[in-house]
Amino acid sequence: AQLVESGGGLVQPGGSLRLSCAASGFTISRYVMSWYRQAPGKERELVADIIGSGGRTNYVDSVKGRFTISRHNDKNTVYLQMNSLKPEDTAVYYCHAVFLNYQHWGQGTQVTVSS
């Protein structure tokens, strides 16, 4: 089982990126799916998660109104749409899946916001 992130890159402040997290070896529909990020010298923090079949979402305050997490169960993929990006959003972004005692991490994708 694995998670593979993609979509990171270099973007100017105010720009947008869409991260994707493709799962294989398991079905994401039963899992709580999350995006975390870790900036240099800082601890990894939870950015957003999406829970249950109803798709209830939660966001860290710093990204509310700018980021949107979504899941496409048929594609076994989770997305993070990031708008109005700021330099402080620069970090490695990781996808995470958890269900009961099972959890999986992706390898991370770098997002750099700079002019």
PDB file of N, CA and C in Angstrom:
ATOM      1  N   ALA A   1       0.847  -1.192   0.000  1.00  0.00           N
ATOM      2  CA  ALA A   1       0.000   0.000   0.000  1.00  0.00           C
ATOM      3  C   ALA A   1       0.879   1.237   0.000  1.00  0.00           C
ATOM      4  N   GLN A   2       0.478   2.220  -0.795  1.00  0.00           N
ATOM      5  CA  GLN A   2       1.254   3.447  -0.811  1.00  0.00           C
ATOM      6  C   GLN A   2       0.415   4.635  -1.231  1.00  0.00           C
ATOM      7  N   LEU A   3       0.953   5.819  -0.883  1.00  0.00           N
ATOM      8  CA  LEU A   3       0.387   7.104  -1.284  1.00  0.00           C
ATOM      9  C   LEU A   3       1.449   7.846  -2.076  1.00  0.00           C
ATOM     10  N   VAL A   4       1.057   8.419  -3.197  1.00  0.00           N
ATOM     11  CA  VAL A   4       1.997   9.155  -4.034  1.00  0.00           C
ATOM     12  C   VAL A   4       1.430  10.553  -4.280  1.00  0.00           C
ATOM     13  N   GLU A   5       2.166  11.567  -3.777  1.00  0.00           N
ATOM     14  CA  GLU A   5       1.755  12.951  -3.980  1.00  0.00           C
ATOM     15  C   GLU A   5       2.352  13.502  -5.267  1.00  0.00           C
ATOM     16  N   SER A   6       1.669  14.467  -5.834  1.00  0.00           N
ATOM     17  CA  SER A   6       2.172  15.189  -6.992  1.00  0.00           C
ATOM     18  C   SER A   6       1.530  16.572  -7.016  1.00  0.00           C
ATOM     19  N   GLY A   7       2.090  17.444  -7.856  1.00  0.00           N
ATOM     20  CA  GLY A   7       1.497  18.759  -8.044  1.00  0.00           C
ATOM     21  C   GLY A   7       2.223  19.898  -7.367  1.00  0.00           C
ATOM     22  N   GLY A   8       3.265  19.586  -6.602  1.00  0.00           N
ATOM     23  CA  GLY A   8       4.024  20.647  -5.965  1.00  0.00           C
ATOM     24  C   GLY A   8       4.865  21.410  -6.974  1.00  0.00           C
ATOM     25  N   GLY A   9       5.475  22.497  -6.494  1.00  0.00           N
ATOM     26  CA  GLY A   9       6.335  23.280  -7.372  1.00  0.00           C
ATOM     27  C   GLY A   9       6.564  24.665  -6.821  1.00  0.00           C
ATOM     28  N   LEU A  10       7.089  25.522  -7.680  1.00  0.00           N
ATOM     29  CA  LEU A  10       7.378  26.915  -7.339  1.00  0.00           C
ATOM     30  C   LEU A  10       6.253  27.796  -7.876  1.00  0.00           C
ATOM     31  N   VAL A  11       5.712  28.656  -7.025  1.00  0.00           N
ATOM     32  CA  VAL A  11       4.625  29.539  -7.435  1.00  0.00           C
ATOM     33  C   VAL A  11       4.829  30.902  -6.779  1.00  0.00           C
ATOM     34  N   GLN A  12       4.376  31.947  -7.441  1.00  0.00           N
ATOM     35  CA  GLN A  12       4.487  33.290  -6.886  1.00  0.00           C
ATOM     36  C   GLN A  12       3.413  33.525  -5.830  1.00  0.00           C
ATOM     37  N   PRO A  13       3.662  34.424  -4.896  1.00  0.00           N
ATOM     38  CA  PRO A  13       2.619  34.767  -3.914  1.00  0.00           C
ATOM     39  C   PRO A  13       1.331  35.172  -4.622  1.00  0.00           C
ATOM     40  N   GLY A  14       0.217  34.683  -4.081  1.00  0.00           N
ATOM     41  CA  GLY A  14      -1.080  34.920  -4.689  1.00  0.00           C
ATOM     42  C   GLY A  14      -1.495  33.873  -5.703  1.00  0.00           C
ATOM     43  N   GLY A  15      -0.578  33.004  -6.056  1.00  0.00           N
ATOM     44  CA  GLY A  15      -0.868  31.973  -7.043  1.00  0.00           C
ATOM     45  C   GLY A  15      -1.570  30.763  -6.456  1.00  0.00           C
ATOM     46  N   SER A  16      -1.769  29.768  -7.313  1.00  0.00           N
ATOM     47  CA  SER A  16      -2.503  28.555  -6.912  1.00  0.00           C
ATOM     48  C   SER A  16      -1.742  27.311  -7.336  1.00  0.00           C
ATOM     49  N   LEU A  17      -1.967  26.260  -6.573  1.00  0.00           N
ATOM     50  CA  LEU A  17      -1.485  24.924  -6.915  1.00  0.00           C
ATOM     51  C   LEU A  17      -2.540  23.911  -6.500  1.00  0.00           C
ATOM     52  N   ARG A  18      -2.557  22.792  -7.182  1.00  0.00           N
ATOM     53  CA  ARG A  18      -3.433  21.693  -6.800  1.00  0.00           C
ATOM     54  C   ARG A  18      -2.588  20.448  -6.566  1.00  0.00           C
ATOM     55  N   LEU A  19      -2.573  19.990  -5.343  1.00  0.00           N
ATOM     56  CA  LEU A  19      -1.856  18.770  -4.997  1.00  0.00           C
ATOM     57  C   LEU A  19      -2.779  17.564  -5.151  1.00  0.00           C
ATOM     58  N   SER A  20      -2.197  16.465  -5.606  1.00  0.00           N
ATOM     59  CA  SER A  20      -2.934  15.206  -5.711  1.00  0.00           C
ATOM     60  C   SER A  20      -2.238  14.141  -4.879  1.00  0.00           C
ATOM     61  N   CYS A  21      -3.020  13.230  -4.348  1.00  0.00           N
ATOM     62  CA  CYS A  21      -2.505  12.104  -3.568  1.00  0.00           C
ATOM     63  C   CYS A  21      -3.213  10.853  -4.063  1.00  0.00           C
ATOM     64  N   ALA A  22      -2.496  10.040  -4.808  1.00  0.00           N
ATOM     65  CA  ALA A  22      -3.061   8.818  -5.373  1.00  0.00           C
ATOM     66  C   ALA A  22      -2.718   7.626  -4.486  1.00  0.00           C
ATOM     67  N   ALA A  23      -3.735   6.892  -4.095  1.00  0.00           N
ATOM     68  CA  ALA A  23      -3.543   5.721  -3.238  1.00  0.00           C
ATOM     69  C   ALA A  23      -3.570   4.444  -4.060  1.00  0.00           C
ATOM     70  N   SER A  24      -2.764   3.483  -3.656  1.00  0.00           N
ATOM     71  CA  SER A  24      -2.781   2.162  -4.270  1.00  0.00           C
ATOM     72  C   SER A  24      -2.621   1.114  -3.176  1.00  0.00           C
ATOM     73  N   GLY A  25      -3.221  -0.035  -3.392  1.00  0.00           N
ATOM     74  CA  GLY A  25      -3.122  -1.115  -2.420  1.00  0.00           C
ATOM     75  C   GLY A  25      -4.175  -1.068  -1.329  1.00  0.00           C
ATOM     76  N   PHE A  26      -4.966  -0.034  -1.296  1.00  0.00           N
ATOM     77  CA  PHE A  26      -6.073   0.071  -0.350  1.00  0.00           C
ATOM     78  C   PHE A  26      -7.089   1.075  -0.891  1.00  0.00           C
ATOM     79  N   THR A  27      -8.288   1.070  -0.302  1.00  0.00           N
ATOM     80  CA  THR A  27      -9.366   1.939  -0.767  1.00  0.00           C
ATOM     81  C   THR A  27      -9.541   3.079   0.211  1.00  0.00           C
ATOM     82  N   ILE A  28      -9.462   4.310  -0.296  1.00  0.00           N
ATOM     83  CA  ILE A  28      -9.454   5.468   0.601  1.00  0.00           C
ATOM     84  C   ILE A  28     -10.816   5.750   1.221  1.00  0.00           C
ATOM     85  N   SER A  29     -11.880   5.171   0.682  1.00  0.00           N
ATOM     86  CA  SER A  29     -13.215   5.548   1.124  1.00  0.00           C
ATOM     87  C   SER A  29     -13.430   5.291   2.618  1.00  0.00           C
ATOM     88  N   ARG A  30     -12.705   4.328   3.189  1.00  0.00           N
ATOM     89  CA  ARG A  30     -12.866   4.023   4.607  1.00  0.00           C
ATOM     90  C   ARG A  30     -11.936   4.837   5.493  1.00  0.00           C
ATOM     91  N   TYR A  31     -11.018   5.553   4.889  1.00  0.00           N
ATOM     92  CA  TYR A  31      -9.953   6.210   5.621  1.00  0.00           C
ATOM     93  C   TYR A  31     -10.254   7.686   5.878  1.00  0.00           C
ATOM     94  N   VAL A  32      -9.718   8.189   6.985  1.00  0.00           N
ATOM     95  CA  VAL A  32      -9.599   9.634   7.171  1.00  0.00           C
ATOM     96  C   VAL A  32      -8.368  10.058   6.376  1.00  0.00           C
ATOM     97  N   MET A  33      -8.574  10.953   5.442  1.00  0.00           N
ATOM     98  CA  MET A  33      -7.488  11.410   4.583  1.00  0.00           C
ATOM     99  C   MET A  33      -7.088  12.822   4.981  1.00  0.00           C
ATOM    100  N   SER A  34      -5.780  13.043   5.066  1.00  0.00           N
ATOM    101  CA  SER A  34      -5.290  14.330   5.555  1.00  0.00           C
ATOM    102  C   SER A  34      -4.116  14.811   4.721  1.00  0.00           C
ATOM    103  N   TRP A  35      -3.914  16.108   4.774  1.00  0.00           N
ATOM    104  CA  TRP A  35      -2.694  16.740   4.264  1.00  0.00           C
ATOM    105  C   TRP A  35      -1.979  17.388   5.445  1.00  0.00           C
ATOM    106  N   TYR A  36      -0.700  17.093   5.570  1.00  0.00           N
ATOM    107  CA  TYR A  36       0.177  17.724   6.542  1.00  0.00           C
ATOM    108  C   TYR A  36       1.237  18.510   5.787  1.00  0.00           C
ATOM    109  N   ARG A  37       1.917  19.385   6.490  1.00  0.00           N
ATOM    110  CA  ARG A  37       3.059  20.074   5.897  1.00  0.00           C
ATOM    111  C   ARG A  37       4.132  20.272   6.949  1.00  0.00           C
ATOM    112  N   GLN A  38       5.360  20.364   6.457  1.00  0.00           N
ATOM    113  CA  GLN A  38       6.495  20.606   7.346  1.00  0.00           C
ATOM    114  C   GLN A  38       7.438  21.587   6.688  1.00  0.00           C
ATOM    115  N   ALA A  39       7.590  22.725   7.327  1.00  0.00           N
ATOM    116  CA  ALA A  39       8.513  23.746   6.862  1.00  0.00           C
ATOM    117  C   ALA A  39       9.869  23.528   7.528  1.00  0.00           C
ATOM    118  N   PRO A  40      10.944  24.030   6.917  1.00  0.00           N
ATOM    119  CA  PRO A  40      12.285  23.858   7.503  1.00  0.00           C
ATOM    120  C   PRO A  40      12.351  24.367   8.932  1.00  0.00           C
ATOM    121  N   GLY A  41      12.844  23.540   9.830  1.00  0.00           N
ATOM    122  CA  GLY A  41      13.002  23.942  11.216  1.00  0.00           C
ATOM    123  C   GLY A  41      11.736  23.930  12.035  1.00  0.00           C
ATOM    124  N   LYS A  42      10.634  23.468  11.440  1.00  0.00           N
ATOM    125  CA  LYS A  42       9.358  23.453  12.152  1.00  0.00           C
ATOM    126  C   LYS A  42       8.815  22.041  12.241  1.00  0.00           C
ATOM    127  N   GLU A  43       7.878  21.851  13.156  1.00  0.00           N
ATOM    128  CA  GLU A  43       7.237  20.554  13.289  1.00  0.00           C
ATOM    129  C   GLU A  43       6.195  20.355  12.177  1.00  0.00           C
ATOM    130  N   ARG A  44       5.935  19.097  11.896  1.00  0.00           N
ATOM    131  CA  ARG A  44       4.896  18.785  10.922  1.00  0.00           C
ATOM    132  C   ARG A  44       3.548  19.182  11.503  1.00  0.00           C
ATOM    133  N   GLU A  45       2.714  19.848  10.681  1.00  0.00           N
ATOM    134  CA  GLU A  45       1.409  20.270  11.154  1.00  0.00           C
ATOM    135  C   GLU A  45       0.311  19.771  10.228  1.00  0.00           C
ATOM    136  N   LEU A  46      -0.853  19.514  10.842  1.00  0.00           N
ATOM    137  CA  LEU A  46      -2.020  19.114  10.077  1.00  0.00           C
ATOM    138  C   LEU A  46      -2.595  20.337   9.370  1.00  0.00           C
ATOM    139  N   VAL A  47      -2.775  20.233   8.066  1.00  0.00           N
ATOM    140  CA  VAL A  47      -3.321  21.336   7.280  1.00  0.00           C
ATOM    141  C   VAL A  47      -4.827  21.173   7.081  1.00  0.00           C
ATOM    142  N   ALA A  48      -5.243  19.970   6.682  1.00  0.00           N
ATOM    143  CA  ALA A  48      -6.657  19.730   6.396  1.00  0.00           C
ATOM    144  C   ALA A  48      -6.923  18.235   6.427  1.00  0.00           C
ATOM    145  N   ASP A  49      -8.155  17.891   6.780  1.00  0.00           N
ATOM    146  CA  ASP A  49      -8.536  16.497   6.648  1.00  0.00           C
ATOM    147  C   ASP A  49      -9.977  16.387   6.200  1.00  0.00           C
ATOM    148  N   ILE A  50     -10.305  15.190   5.708  1.00  0.00           N
ATOM    149  CA  ILE A  50     -11.646  14.918   5.204  1.00  0.00           C
ATOM    150  C   ILE A  50     -12.060  13.562   5.751  1.00  0.00           C
ATOM    151  N   ILE A  51     -13.258  13.526   6.334  1.00  0.00           N
ATOM    152  CA  ILE A  51     -13.652  12.401   7.172  1.00  0.00           C
ATOM    153  C   ILE A  51     -14.967  11.808   6.708  1.00  0.00           C
ATOM    154  N   GLY A  52     -15.008  10.483   6.604  1.00  0.00           N
ATOM    155  CA  GLY A  52     -16.261   9.794   6.409  1.00  0.00           C
ATOM    156  C   GLY A  52     -16.855   9.946   5.022  1.00  0.00           C
ATOM    157  N   SER A  53     -17.921   9.217   4.810  1.00  0.00           N
ATOM    158  CA  SER A  53     -18.579   9.213   3.507  1.00  0.00           C
ATOM    159  C   SER A  53     -19.221  10.560   3.205  1.00  0.00           C
ATOM    160  N   GLY A  54     -19.552  11.295   4.260  1.00  0.00           N
ATOM    161  CA  GLY A  54     -20.140  12.614   4.056  1.00  0.00           C
ATOM    162  C   GLY A  54     -19.136  13.678   3.698  1.00  0.00           C
ATOM    163  N   GLY A  55     -17.864  13.356   3.886  1.00  0.00           N
ATOM    164  CA  GLY A  55     -16.813  14.279   3.496  1.00  0.00           C
ATOM    165  C   GLY A  55     -16.695  15.501   4.372  1.00  0.00           C
ATOM    166  N   ARG A  56     -16.907  15.332   5.687  1.00  0.00           N
ATOM    167  CA  ARG A  56     -16.725  16.474   6.586  1.00  0.00           C
ATOM    168  C   ARG A  56     -15.255  16.892   6.580  1.00  0.00           C
ATOM    169  N   THR A  57     -15.029  18.194   6.511  1.00  0.00           N
ATOM    170  CA  THR A  57     -13.666  18.711   6.385  1.00  0.00           C
ATOM    171  C   THR A  57     -13.286  19.591   7.567  1.00  0.00           C
ATOM    172  N   ASN A  58     -11.983  19.629   7.828  1.00  0.00           N
ATOM    173  CA  ASN A  58     -11.430  20.496   8.860  1.00  0.00           C
ATOM    174  C   ASN A  58     -10.154  21.131   8.320  1.00  0.00           C
ATOM    175  N   TYR A  59      -9.879  22.360   8.753  1.00  0.00           N
ATOM    176  CA  TYR A  59      -8.711  23.083   8.280  1.00  0.00           C
ATOM    177  C   TYR A  59      -8.023  23.785   9.448  1.00  0.00           C
ATOM    178  N   VAL A  60      -6.711  23.887   9.345  1.00  0.00           N
ATOM    179  CA  VAL A  60      -5.992  24.740  10.285  1.00  0.00           C
ATOM    180  C   VAL A  60      -6.364  26.186   9.975  1.00  0.00           C
ATOM    181  N   ASP A  61      -6.403  27.020  11.002  1.00  0.00           N
ATOM    182  CA  ASP A  61      -6.895  28.395  10.829  1.00  0.00           C
ATOM    183  C   ASP A  61      -6.148  29.157   9.736  1.00  0.00           C
ATOM    184  N   SER A  62      -4.865  28.911   9.604  1.00  0.00           N
ATOM    185  CA  SER A  62      -4.039  29.700   8.678  1.00  0.00           C
ATOM    186  C   SER A  62      -4.389  29.460   7.209  1.00  0.00           C
ATOM    187  N   VAL A  63      -5.129  28.403   6.896  1.00  0.00           N
ATOM    188  CA  VAL A  63      -5.452  28.130   5.490  1.00  0.00           C
ATOM    189  C   VAL A  63      -6.952  28.214   5.212  1.00  0.00           C
ATOM    190  N   LYS A  64      -7.750  28.454   6.224  1.00  0.00           N
ATOM    191  CA  LYS A  64      -9.204  28.526   6.023  1.00  0.00           C
ATOM    192  C   LYS A  64      -9.557  29.610   5.008  1.00  0.00           C
ATOM    193  N   GLY A  65     -10.429  29.248   4.082  1.00  0.00           N
ATOM    194  CA  GLY A  65     -10.835  30.186   3.047  1.00  0.00           C
ATOM    195  C   GLY A  65      -9.914  30.218   1.848  1.00  0.00           C
ATOM    196  N   ARG A  66      -8.755  29.560   1.941  1.00  0.00           N
ATOM    197  CA  ARG A  66      -7.792  29.552   0.833  1.00  0.00           C
ATOM    198  C   ARG A  66      -7.576  28.146   0.275  1.00  0.00           C
ATOM    199  N   PHE A  67      -7.597  27.148   1.136  1.00  0.00           N
ATOM    200  CA  PHE A  67      -7.344  25.759   0.733  1.00  0.00           C
ATOM    201  C   PHE A  67      -8.637  24.960   0.780  1.00  0.00           C
ATOM    202  N   THR A  68      -8.742  23.989  -0.113  1.00  0.00           N
ATOM    203  CA  THR A  68      -9.896  23.083  -0.124  1.00  0.00           C
ATOM    204  C   THR A  68      -9.418  21.647  -0.312  1.00  0.00           C
ATOM    205  N   ILE A  69      -9.799  20.781   0.615  1.00  0.00           N
ATOM    206  CA  ILE A  69      -9.489  19.358   0.490  1.00  0.00           C
ATOM    207  C   ILE A  69     -10.709  18.653  -0.086  1.00  0.00           C
ATOM    208  N   SER A  70     -10.469  17.693  -0.969  1.00  0.00           N
ATOM    209  CA  SER A  70     -11.564  16.922  -1.543  1.00  0.00           C
ATOM    210  C   SER A  70     -11.069  15.512  -1.837  1.00  0.00           C
ATOM    211  N   ARG A  71     -12.023  14.603  -2.009  1.00  0.00           N
ATOM    212  CA  ARG A  71     -11.657  13.225  -2.318  1.00  0.00           C
ATOM    213  C   ARG A  71     -12.499  12.736  -3.485  1.00  0.00           C
ATOM    214  N   HIS A  72     -11.882  11.922  -4.330  1.00  0.00           N
ATOM    215  CA  HIS A  72     -12.585  11.306  -5.440  1.00  0.00           C
ATOM    216  C   HIS A  72     -12.408   9.804  -5.245  1.00  0.00           C
ATOM    217  N   ASN A  73     -13.401   9.181  -4.629  1.00  0.00           N
ATOM    218  CA  ASN A  73     -13.248   7.778  -4.252  1.00  0.00           C
ATOM    219  C   ASN A  73     -13.090   6.864  -5.465  1.00  0.00           C
ATOM    220  N   ASP A  74     -13.765   7.192  -6.561  1.00  0.00           N
ATOM    221  CA  ASP A  74     -13.655   6.347  -7.745  1.00  0.00           C
ATOM    222  C   ASP A  74     -12.233   6.344  -8.302  1.00  0.00           C
ATOM    223  N   LYS A  75     -11.536   7.474  -8.128  1.00  0.00           N
ATOM    224  CA  LYS A  75     -10.148   7.569  -8.584  1.00  0.00           C
ATOM    225  C   LYS A  75      -9.168   7.218  -7.472  1.00  0.00           C
ATOM    226  N   ASN A  76      -9.705   6.963  -6.271  1.00  0.00           N
ATOM    227  CA  ASN A  76      -8.856   6.637  -5.116  1.00  0.00           C
ATOM    228  C   ASN A  76      -7.809   7.721  -4.873  1.00  0.00           C
ATOM    229  N   THR A  77      -8.261   8.964  -4.994  1.00  0.00           N
ATOM    230  CA  THR A  77      -7.350  10.105  -4.961  1.00  0.00           C
ATOM    231  C   THR A  77      -7.929  11.207  -4.077  1.00  0.00           C
ATOM    232  N   VAL A  78      -7.035  11.879  -3.367  1.00  0.00           N
ATOM    233  CA  VAL A  78      -7.389  13.046  -2.567  1.00  0.00           C
ATOM    234  C   VAL A  78      -6.656  14.252  -3.135  1.00  0.00           C
ATOM    235  N   TYR A  79      -7.292  15.414  -3.055  1.00  0.00           N
ATOM    236  CA  TYR A  79      -6.725  16.634  -3.624  1.00  0.00           C
ATOM    237  C   TYR A  79      -6.637  17.712  -2.556  1.00  0.00           C
ATOM    238  N   LEU A  80      -5.733  18.646  -2.771  1.00  0.00           N
ATOM    239  CA  LEU A  80      -5.665  19.857  -1.969  1.00  0.00           C
ATOM    240  C   LEU A  80      -5.509  21.026  -2.934  1.00  0.00           C
ATOM    241  N   GLN A  81      -6.584  21.776  -3.099  1.00  0.00           N
ATOM    242  CA  GLN A  81      -6.547  22.976  -3.914  1.00  0.00           C
ATOM    243  C   GLN A  81      -6.080  24.124  -3.039  1.00  0.00           C
ATOM    244  N   MET A  82      -5.003  24.763  -3.439  1.00  0.00           N
ATOM    245  CA  MET A  82      -4.414  25.841  -2.649  1.00  0.00           C
ATOM    246  C   MET A  82      -4.444  27.128  -3.459  1.00  0.00           C
ATOM    247  N   ASN A  83      -5.188  28.106  -2.977  1.00  0.00           N
ATOM    248  CA  ASN A  83      -5.311  29.410  -3.627  1.00  0.00           C
ATOM    249  C   ASN A  83      -4.716  30.495  -2.746  1.00  0.00           C
ATOM    250  N   SER A  84      -4.472  31.644  -3.341  1.00  0.00           N
ATOM    251  CA  SER A  84      -3.931  32.802  -2.603  1.00  0.00           C
ATOM    252  C   SER A  84      -2.725  32.403  -1.759  1.00  0.00           C
ATOM    253  N   LEU A  85      -1.814  31.707  -2.373  1.00  0.00           N
ATOM    254  CA  LEU A  85      -0.667  31.181  -1.633  1.00  0.00           C
ATOM    255  C   LEU A  85       0.223  32.296  -1.109  1.00  0.00           C
ATOM    256  N   LYS A  86       0.791  32.033   0.070  1.00  0.00           N
ATOM    257  CA  LYS A  86       1.657  32.987   0.754  1.00  0.00           C
ATOM    258  C   LYS A  86       3.035  32.364   0.954  1.00  0.00           C
ATOM    259  N   PRO A  87       4.069  33.169   1.112  1.00  0.00           N
ATOM    260  CA  PRO A  87       5.410  32.606   1.368  1.00  0.00           C
ATOM    261  C   PRO A  87       5.423  31.663   2.575  1.00  0.00           C
ATOM    262  N   GLU A  88       4.610  31.933   3.572  1.00  0.00           N
ATOM    263  CA  GLU A  88       4.578  31.078   4.759  1.00  0.00           C
ATOM    264  C   GLU A  88       3.917  29.720   4.505  1.00  0.00           C
ATOM    265  N   ASP A  89       3.371  29.518   3.311  1.00  0.00           N
ATOM    266  CA  ASP A  89       2.845  28.200   2.941  1.00  0.00           C
ATOM    267  C   ASP A  89       3.950  27.285   2.416  1.00  0.00           C
ATOM    268  N   THR A  90       5.147  27.820   2.236  1.00  0.00           N
ATOM    269  CA  THR A  90       6.268  27.026   1.756  1.00  0.00           C
ATOM    270  C   THR A  90       6.584  25.891   2.719  1.00  0.00           C
ATOM    271  N   ALA A  91       6.578  24.658   2.190  1.00  0.00           N
ATOM    272  CA  ALA A  91       6.800  23.480   3.023  1.00  0.00           C
ATOM    273  C   ALA A  91       6.789  22.245   2.133  1.00  0.00           C
ATOM    274  N   VAL A  92       7.166  21.125   2.720  1.00  0.00           N
ATOM    275  CA  VAL A  92       6.903  19.830   2.096  1.00  0.00           C
ATOM    276  C   VAL A  92       5.523  19.391   2.555  1.00  0.00           C
ATOM    277  N   TYR A  93       4.677  19.044   1.607  1.00  0.00           N
ATOM    278  CA  TYR A  93       3.305  18.634   1.908  1.00  0.00           C
ATOM    279  C   TYR A  93       3.211  17.107   1.798  1.00  0.00           C
ATOM    280  N   TYR A  94       2.612  16.515   2.832  1.00  0.00           N
ATOM    281  CA  TYR A  94       2.496  15.068   2.921  1.00  0.00           C
ATOM    282  C   TYR A  94       1.028  14.650   2.972  1.00  0.00           C
ATOM    283  N   CYS A  95       0.737  13.573   2.303  1.00  0.00           N
ATOM    284  CA  CYS A  95      -0.574  12.965   2.361  1.00  0.00           C
ATOM    285  C   CYS A  95      -0.555  11.866   3.426  1.00  0.00           C
ATOM    286  N   HIS A  96      -1.658  11.726   4.136  1.00  0.00           N
ATOM    287  CA  HIS A  96      -1.748  10.737   5.221  1.00  0.00           C
ATOM    288  C   HIS A  96      -3.118  10.083   5.187  1.00  0.00           C
ATOM    289  N   ALA A  97      -3.138   8.773   5.445  1.00  0.00           N
ATOM    290  CA  ALA A  97      -4.389   8.019   5.505  1.00  0.00           C
ATOM    291  C   ALA A  97      -4.412   7.198   6.779  1.00  0.00           C
ATOM    292  N   VAL A  98      -5.542   7.197   7.479  1.00  0.00           N
ATOM    293  CA  VAL A  98      -5.653   6.392   8.697  1.00  0.00           C
ATOM    294  C   VAL A  98      -7.036   5.785   8.796  1.00  0.00           C
ATOM    295  N   PHE A  99      -7.059   4.501   9.186  1.00  0.00           N
ATOM    296  CA  PHE A  99      -8.300   3.784   9.432  1.00  0.00           C
ATOM    297  C   PHE A  99      -8.013   2.737  10.492  1.00  0.00           C
ATOM    298  N   LEU A 100      -8.620   2.874  11.631  1.00  0.00           N
ATOM    299  CA  LEU A 100      -8.373   1.984  12.781  1.00  0.00           C
ATOM    300  C   LEU A 100      -6.875   1.950  13.055  1.00  0.00           C
ATOM    301  N   ASN A 101      -6.240   0.775  12.991  1.00  0.00           N
ATOM    302  CA  ASN A 101      -4.806   0.668  13.277  1.00  0.00           C
ATOM    303  C   ASN A 101      -3.935   0.800  12.036  1.00  0.00           C
ATOM    304  N   TYR A 102      -4.534   1.120  10.923  1.00  0.00           N
ATOM    305  CA  TYR A 102      -3.783   1.212   9.680  1.00  0.00           C
ATOM    306  C   TYR A 102      -3.522   2.679   9.342  1.00  0.00           C
ATOM    307  N   GLN A 103      -2.285   2.986   8.970  1.00  0.00           N
ATOM    308  CA  GLN A 103      -1.986   4.324   8.491  1.00  0.00           C
ATOM    309  C   GLN A 103      -0.888   4.274   7.439  1.00  0.00           C
ATOM    310  N   HIS A 104      -0.935   5.248   6.552  1.00  0.00           N
ATOM    311  CA  HIS A 104       0.016   5.335   5.452  1.00  0.00           C
ATOM    312  C   HIS A 104       0.427   6.787   5.265  1.00  0.00           C
ATOM    313  N   TRP A 105       1.693   6.993   4.906  1.00  0.00           N
ATOM    314  CA  TRP A 105       2.226   8.320   4.594  1.00  0.00           C
ATOM    315  C   TRP A 105       2.774   8.320   3.177  1.00  0.00           C
ATOM    316  N   GLY A 106       2.609   9.428   2.513  1.00  0.00           N
ATOM    317  CA  GLY A 106       3.262   9.632   1.235  1.00  0.00           C
ATOM    318  C   GLY A 106       4.681  10.129   1.446  1.00  0.00           C
ATOM    319  N   GLN A 107       5.398  10.280   0.326  1.00  0.00           N
ATOM    320  CA  GLN A 107       6.808  10.693   0.408  1.00  0.00           C
ATOM    321  C   GLN A 107       6.964  12.200   0.468  1.00  0.00           C
ATOM    322  N   GLY A 108       5.908  12.918   0.182  1.00  0.00           N
ATOM    323  CA  GLY A 108       5.933  14.378   0.252  1.00  0.00           C
ATOM    324  C   GLY A 108       6.185  15.037  -1.090  1.00  0.00           C
ATOM    325  N   THR A 109       5.674  16.254  -1.227  1.00  0.00           N
ATOM    326  CA  THR A 109       5.916  17.063  -2.410  1.00  0.00           C
ATOM    327  C   THR A 109       6.209  18.485  -1.963  1.00  0.00           C
ATOM    328  N   GLN A 110       7.233  19.089  -2.568  1.00  0.00           N
ATOM    329  CA  GLN A 110       7.690  20.413  -2.152  1.00  0.00           C
ATOM    330  C   GLN A 110       6.821  21.501  -2.777  1.00  0.00           C
ATOM    331  N   VAL A 111       6.381  22.418  -1.935  1.00  0.00           N
ATOM    332  CA  VAL A 111       5.681  23.626  -2.387  1.00  0.00           C
ATOM    333  C   VAL A 111       6.506  24.822  -1.948  1.00  0.00           C
ATOM    334  N   THR A 112       6.887  25.646  -2.909  1.00  0.00           N
ATOM    335  CA  THR A 112       7.661  26.845  -2.615  1.00  0.00           C
ATOM    336  C   THR A 112       6.923  28.056  -3.156  1.00  0.00           C
ATOM    337  N   VAL A 113       6.636  29.005  -2.268  1.00  0.00           N
ATOM    338  CA  VAL A 113       5.934  30.234  -2.651  1.00  0.00           C
ATOM    339  C   VAL A 113       6.927  31.381  -2.531  1.00  0.00           C
ATOM    340  N   SER A 114       7.316  31.921  -3.675  1.00  0.00           N
ATOM    341  CA  SER A 114       8.350  32.953  -3.678  1.00  0.00           C
ATOM    342  C   SER A 114       8.262  33.757  -4.960  1.00  0.00           C
ATOM    343  N   SER A 115       8.622  35.040  -4.844  1.00  0.00           N
ATOM    344  CA  SER A 115       8.677  35.884  -6.032  1.00  0.00           C
ATOM    345  C   SER A 115      10.083  35.908  -6.604  1.00  0.00           C
TER     346      SER A 115
END
